[in-house]
Amino acid sequence: MAIRFKTYNNVVNTLKCLGEQHLEIQSTTTGDITDIDLEKNTLFPLYHINPVSVDVGMGTKTFNFQLFVMDIVDADGDAEQYVLSDTLQIITDIIAILKHGEILYGYDASHGEEERYFVDDDFSIEPFTERFDNSVTGWIVDVGIIVESVLDSCDIPLQSSLGSCVK
């Protein structure tokens, strides 16, 4: 199943909103993984959305993301188990909302749309630990968000027939 005609902006804004509304997440960022700001002034736990790719089919688009949830650990790693436990719960909360979250359901009967996003059934969530200005640990999950999409050449804004392009 899929949702009607959502754009990249719709999907990213929905993922960002999930982080901004989760009561335990203190910072939400998006972009390349190298863009994560791990300076001493970043608020943690941090939720980062890394766009990876988009699969385009005849009736759907699948927006593929890596989602990171991380928190600071002491240099000696004493609290690592607790941080892994807490950040795992946060990342599974996000998956649960995407999979079953009625909070994302909205209806605009006049347009015949439902604002639902669909994801696969199973996820592999992997732990990580990084040592930067701050030592962080947490989890990463690959998520493909499926939306309905029409692959139709009739709606492309062209000046004229493409016959002049074919040589």
Protein backbone atom coordinates (compact mmCIF):
# COMPACT_ATOMS: atom_id res chain seq x y z
CA MET A 1 0.00 0.00 0.00
CA ALA A 2 1.09 3.55 -0.48
CA ILE A 3 0.01 7.13 -0.05
CA ARG A 4 -0.97 9.52 -2.79
CA PHE A 5 1.57 11.85 -4.35
CA LYS A 6 3.87 12.82 -1.49
CA THR A 7 7.15 14.56 -2.26
CA TYR A 8 10.63 14.28 -0.81
CA ASN A 9 9.87 17.41 1.22
CA ASN A 10 6.71 15.82 2.67
CA VAL A 11 8.63 12.70 3.72
CA VAL A 12 11.61 14.54 5.24
CA ASN A 13 9.36 17.02 7.06
CA THR A 14 7.34 14.13 8.51
CA LEU A 15 10.51 12.37 9.72
CA LYS A 16 11.78 15.64 11.23
CA CYS A 17 8.44 16.22 12.94
CA LEU A 18 8.64 12.78 14.56
CA GLY A 19 11.95 13.78 16.14
CA GLU A 20 10.76 17.22 17.15
CA GLN A 21 7.64 15.82 18.82
CA HIS A 22 9.32 12.92 20.65
CA LEU A 23 9.75 14.03 24.25
CA GLU A 24 13.12 12.35 24.75
CA ILE A 25 14.85 13.64 21.58
CA GLN A 26 16.62 16.95 22.16
CA SER A 27 18.01 17.64 18.65
CA THR A 28 16.80 16.64 15.18
CA THR A 29 19.04 17.06 12.15
CA THR A 30 19.04 15.98 8.52
CA GLY A 31 21.63 15.62 5.79
CA ASP A 32 24.74 13.61 5.07
CA ILE A 33 26.12 11.64 7.97
CA THR A 34 29.27 13.77 7.89
CA ASP A 35 27.10 16.83 8.57
CA ILE A 36 26.18 15.66 12.08
CA ASP A 37 27.31 18.33 14.54
CA LEU A 38 28.89 16.54 17.49
CA GLU A 39 30.34 19.68 19.06
CA LYS A 40 30.12 20.15 22.78
CA ASN A 41 27.04 22.42 22.42
CA THR A 42 24.76 19.89 20.68
CA LEU A 43 21.82 18.74 22.78
CA PHE A 44 21.45 14.97 23.15
CA PRO A 45 19.84 12.53 22.48
CA LEU A 46 20.27 13.42 18.82
CA TYR A 47 18.08 12.06 16.00
CA HIS A 48 19.65 12.34 12.54
CA ILE A 49 17.97 11.65 9.18
CA ASN A 50 20.39 10.69 6.40
CA PRO A 51 18.83 10.45 2.90
CA VAL A 52 20.29 7.53 0.96
CA SER A 53 18.35 6.94 -2.27
CA VAL A 54 14.94 6.87 -3.94
CA ASP A 55 13.62 3.81 -5.80
CA VAL A 56 11.13 4.81 -8.51
CA GLY A 57 8.64 2.29 -9.85
CA MET A 58 5.58 2.53 -12.06
CA GLY A 59 3.24 3.15 -9.12
CA THR A 60 5.41 4.02 -6.11
CA LYS A 61 8.49 5.82 -4.88
CA THR A 62 10.46 4.41 -1.98
CA PHE A 63 12.47 7.02 -0.09
CA ASN A 64 15.39 5.28 1.62
CA PHE A 65 16.88 6.80 4.76
CA GLN A 66 19.30 5.91 7.50
CA LEU A 67 17.93 7.02 10.85
CA PHE A 68 20.37 7.54 13.72
CA VAL A 69 19.58 8.01 17.40
CA MET A 70 22.57 8.70 19.63
CA ASP A 71 23.55 10.05 23.01
CA ILE A 72 26.75 10.99 24.80
CA VAL A 73 28.73 8.41 26.77
CA ASP A 74 31.65 8.96 29.10
CA ALA A 75 35.08 8.47 27.59
CA ASP A 76 35.46 5.29 29.64
CA GLY A 77 32.10 3.98 28.35
CA ASP A 78 30.58 3.39 31.80
CA ALA A 79 27.05 4.39 30.73
CA GLU A 80 27.14 2.80 27.28
CA GLN A 81 24.69 0.00 28.12
CA TYR A 82 22.15 2.48 29.49
CA VAL A 83 22.52 4.80 26.50
CA LEU A 84 22.11 1.87 24.10
CA SER A 85 18.97 0.81 25.93
CA ASP A 86 17.44 4.30 25.89
CA THR A 87 18.33 5.09 22.28
CA LEU A 88 17.06 1.70 21.10
CA GLN A 89 13.70 2.50 22.67
CA ILE A 90 13.60 5.87 20.91
CA ILE A 91 14.42 4.40 17.49
CA THR A 92 11.81 1.67 17.91
CA ASP A 93 9.29 4.38 18.88
CA ILE A 94 9.94 6.08 15.53
CA ILE A 95 9.55 2.79 13.64
CA ALA A 96 6.32 2.05 15.53
CA ILE A 97 4.86 5.42 14.58
CA LEU A 98 5.78 4.93 10.93
CA LYS A 99 4.39 1.39 10.95
CA HIS A 100 1.27 1.75 13.06
CA GLY A 101 1.08 5.37 14.13
CA GLU A 102 -2.40 6.72 13.83
CA ILE A 103 -0.85 10.09 14.59
CA LEU A 104 0.20 10.20 10.91
CA TYR A 105 -3.28 9.43 9.63
CA GLY A 106 -5.14 12.40 8.30
CA TYR A 107 -7.96 12.62 5.85
CA ASP A 108 -8.88 15.33 3.41
CA ALA A 109 -12.09 13.90 2.02
CA SER A 110 -12.41 16.68 -0.54
CA HIS A 111 -9.14 15.55 -2.17
CA GLY A 112 -9.49 11.83 -1.45
CA GLU A 113 -6.13 11.64 0.29
CA GLU A 114 -4.87 9.89 3.38
CA GLU A 115 -1.57 11.15 4.78
CA ARG A 116 -0.18 7.70 5.56
CA TYR A 117 3.32 6.48 4.96
CA PHE A 118 4.13 2.80 4.57
CA VAL A 119 7.24 0.90 5.58
CA ASP A 120 8.36 -2.72 5.41
CA ASP A 121 7.56 -5.16 8.19
CA ASP A 122 11.01 -6.01 9.53
CA PHE A 123 13.98 -3.84 10.45
CA SER A 124 17.57 -4.54 11.36
CA ILE A 125 18.81 -1.99 13.89
CA GLU A 126 22.58 -1.81 14.39
CA PRO A 127 24.53 -0.31 17.31
CA PHE A 128 27.42 2.07 16.79
CA THR A 129 29.94 3.99 18.88
CA GLU A 130 31.91 6.97 17.61
CA ARG A 131 34.62 9.03 19.22
CA PHE A 132 34.60 12.67 18.09
CA ASP A 133 34.65 15.84 20.20
CA ASN A 134 32.00 13.93 22.15
CA SER A 135 31.89 10.16 22.51
CA VAL A 136 28.48 8.98 21.33
CA THR A 137 26.73 5.67 21.03
CA GLY A 138 23.37 4.69 19.67
CA TRP A 139 21.57 2.89 16.89
CA ILE A 140 21.10 3.14 13.14
CA VAL A 141 18.27 1.72 11.06
CA ASP A 142 17.64 1.70 7.32
CA VAL A 143 14.03 2.67 6.54
CA GLY A 144 12.30 2.75 3.18
CA ILE A 145 9.21 4.95 3.15
CA ILE A 146 6.80 4.07 0.37
CA VAL A 147 4.49 6.62 -1.24
CA GLU A 148 2.23 6.40 -4.25
CA SER A 149 3.66 8.00 -7.36
CA VAL A 150 2.51 8.25 -10.93
CA LEU A 151 5.23 7.78 -13.53
CA ASP A 152 3.38 9.63 -16.27
CA SER A 153 4.99 11.46 -19.19
CA CYS A 154 1.78 13.41 -19.91
CA ASP A 155 2.29 15.78 -16.97
CA ILE A 156 5.90 16.78 -17.69
CA PRO A 157 6.22 20.53 -18.35
CA LEU A 158 7.63 20.61 -21.89
CA GLN A 159 7.51 23.43 -24.44
CA SER A 160 6.57 21.19 -27.34
CA SER A 161 6.76 17.72 -28.77
CA LEU A 162 9.98 15.78 -28.19
CA GLY A 163 10.06 14.88 -31.86
CA SER A 164 12.61 17.64 -32.47
CA CYS A 165 14.95 16.03 -29.90
CA VAL A 166 15.11 12.68 -31.67
CA LYS A 167 17.85 12.71 -34.33
